[in-house]
Amino acid sequence: FNMAMLENAGQILKQRILNYHKQNGVMFIDEKTTFIDADVTIGKDVVIYPNNIIQGATIIEDNCVIQPFSNIVSSKIGNNSCIISSYIEKSEIAPNSKILPFTTIIDGEIKKWK
């Protein structure tokens, strides 16, 4: 094996993951700049904008919007929520929430930059 083969295998796996979610009602605005881990669960009618990374055992429930430049790790995003350019890790976002840009939430707490 070489690095080119490994990269090709990674691209095939990425496309399979994206296709699975598209078949289940997820819209990706730009697949090329979106990364979704295999363990992520995404509900119906979710829109994911470019430049997002969603990792770990994350659950995104129905009717959510993930705006560009968000990174969500092992978290739950409730129905009808909107995440805008934020970092969320090991946290639960209540349904009908709007997380404003540049918010960092780790272990359920909003973190302030010092």
Protein backbone atom coordinates (compact mmCIF):
# COMPACT_ATOMS: atom_id res chain seq x y z
CA PHE A 1 0.00 0.00 0.00
CA ASN A 2 1.05 3.56 -0.58
CA MET A 3 -0.34 6.97 0.41
CA ALA A 4 -2.19 7.41 -2.90
CA MET A 5 -4.05 4.12 -2.39
CA LEU A 6 -4.88 5.06 1.19
CA GLU A 7 -6.20 8.46 0.09
CA ASN A 8 -8.32 6.83 -2.62
CA ALA A 9 -9.82 4.38 -0.11
CA GLY A 10 -10.62 7.30 2.23
CA GLN A 11 -12.42 9.16 -0.56
CA ILE A 12 -14.49 6.08 -1.41
CA LEU A 13 -15.50 5.64 2.24
CA LYS A 14 -16.35 9.36 2.55
CA GLN A 15 -18.58 9.21 -0.52
CA ARG A 16 -20.38 6.11 0.76
CA ILE A 17 -21.12 7.85 4.06
CA LEU A 18 -22.42 10.97 2.30
CA ASN A 19 -24.55 8.91 -0.11
CA TYR A 20 -26.09 7.00 2.79
CA HIS A 21 -27.16 10.24 4.48
CA LYS A 22 -28.43 11.78 1.22
CA GLN A 23 -30.63 8.72 0.66
CA ASN A 24 -32.07 9.34 4.12
CA GLY A 25 -33.04 12.96 3.55
CA VAL A 26 -29.90 15.00 4.28
CA MET A 27 -28.87 17.83 1.94
CA PHE A 28 -25.17 18.65 1.59
CA ILE A 29 -24.53 22.03 -0.05
CA ASP A 30 -20.90 21.11 -0.86
CA GLU A 31 -19.88 17.49 -0.37
CA LYS A 32 -16.23 18.19 -1.18
CA THR A 33 -15.70 20.30 1.96
CA THR A 34 -17.87 18.26 4.33
CA PHE A 35 -16.53 15.47 6.55
CA ILE A 36 -18.91 13.07 8.36
CA ASP A 37 -17.65 10.19 10.52
CA ALA A 38 -19.14 6.74 10.00
CA ASP A 39 -20.65 6.77 13.53
CA VAL A 40 -22.68 9.96 12.98
CA THR A 41 -26.51 9.73 12.89
CA ILE A 42 -28.38 12.42 10.97
CA GLY A 43 -32.18 12.86 10.83
CA LYS A 44 -34.39 13.86 7.93
CA ASP A 45 -34.53 17.30 6.31
CA VAL A 46 -31.17 18.36 7.70
CA VAL A 47 -29.13 20.85 5.65
CA ILE A 48 -25.36 20.82 6.04
CA TYR A 49 -23.47 23.74 4.53
CA PRO A 50 -19.83 23.64 3.33
CA ASN A 51 -16.75 23.36 5.53
CA ASN A 52 -18.19 21.29 8.36
CA ILE A 53 -16.67 18.42 10.34
CA ILE A 54 -19.02 16.12 12.24
CA GLN A 55 -17.33 13.40 14.26
CA GLY A 56 -17.77 10.64 16.81
CA ALA A 57 -21.12 9.41 18.07
CA THR A 58 -22.89 12.64 17.10
CA ILE A 59 -26.67 12.65 16.61
CA ILE A 60 -28.28 15.43 14.60
CA GLU A 61 -32.06 15.21 14.83
CA ASP A 62 -34.61 16.24 12.15
CA ASN A 63 -34.94 19.67 10.54
CA CYS A 64 -31.58 21.07 11.63
CA VAL A 65 -29.28 23.43 9.76
CA ILE A 66 -25.53 23.25 10.21
CA GLN A 67 -24.04 26.47 8.86
CA PRO A 68 -20.46 26.65 7.50
CA PHE A 69 -17.34 26.22 9.64
CA SER A 70 -18.88 24.16 12.43
CA ASN A 71 -17.17 21.25 14.17
CA ILE A 72 -19.42 18.90 16.13
CA VAL A 73 -17.88 16.04 18.13
CA SER A 74 -19.79 13.32 20.02
CA SER A 75 -22.80 15.57 20.68
CA LYS A 76 -26.57 15.60 20.25
CA ILE A 77 -28.26 18.40 18.31
CA GLY A 78 -32.02 18.59 18.99
CA ASN A 79 -34.76 18.91 16.35
CA ASN A 80 -35.18 22.22 14.52
CA SER A 81 -31.84 23.64 15.70
CA CYS A 82 -29.39 25.83 13.84
CA ILE A 83 -25.65 25.72 14.48
CA ILE A 84 -23.67 28.65 13.06
CA SER A 85 -19.87 28.44 12.81
CA SER A 86 -19.37 26.86 16.24
CA TYR A 87 -17.42 24.14 18.04
CA ILE A 88 -19.52 21.66 20.04
CA GLU A 89 -18.02 18.69 21.88
CA LYS A 90 -19.62 16.12 24.22
CA SER A 91 -22.69 18.31 24.65
CA GLU A 92 -26.44 18.23 24.11
CA ILE A 93 -28.17 21.10 22.33
CA ALA A 94 -31.88 21.38 23.16
CA PRO A 95 -34.48 21.29 20.37
CA ASN A 96 -35.30 24.62 18.70
CA SER A 97 -31.92 26.11 19.64
CA LYS A 98 -29.81 28.60 17.71
CA ILE A 99 -26.10 28.52 18.45
CA LEU A 100 -24.55 31.78 17.31
CA PRO A 101 -21.18 32.12 15.54
CA PHE A 102 -17.90 31.43 17.33
CA THR A 103 -19.54 29.68 20.27
CA THR A 104 -17.53 26.90 21.93
CA ILE A 105 -19.47 24.35 23.97
CA ILE A 106 -17.55 21.53 25.65
CA ASP A 107 -19.10 19.08 28.12
CA GLY A 108 -22.34 21.07 28.00
CA GLU A 109 -20.75 24.38 29.02
CA ILE A 110 -20.32 27.47 26.91
CA LYS A 111 -16.62 28.34 26.95
CA LYS A 112 -15.26 31.88 26.70
CA TRP A 113 -12.00 32.61 24.96
CA LYS A 114 -9.48 34.33 27.22
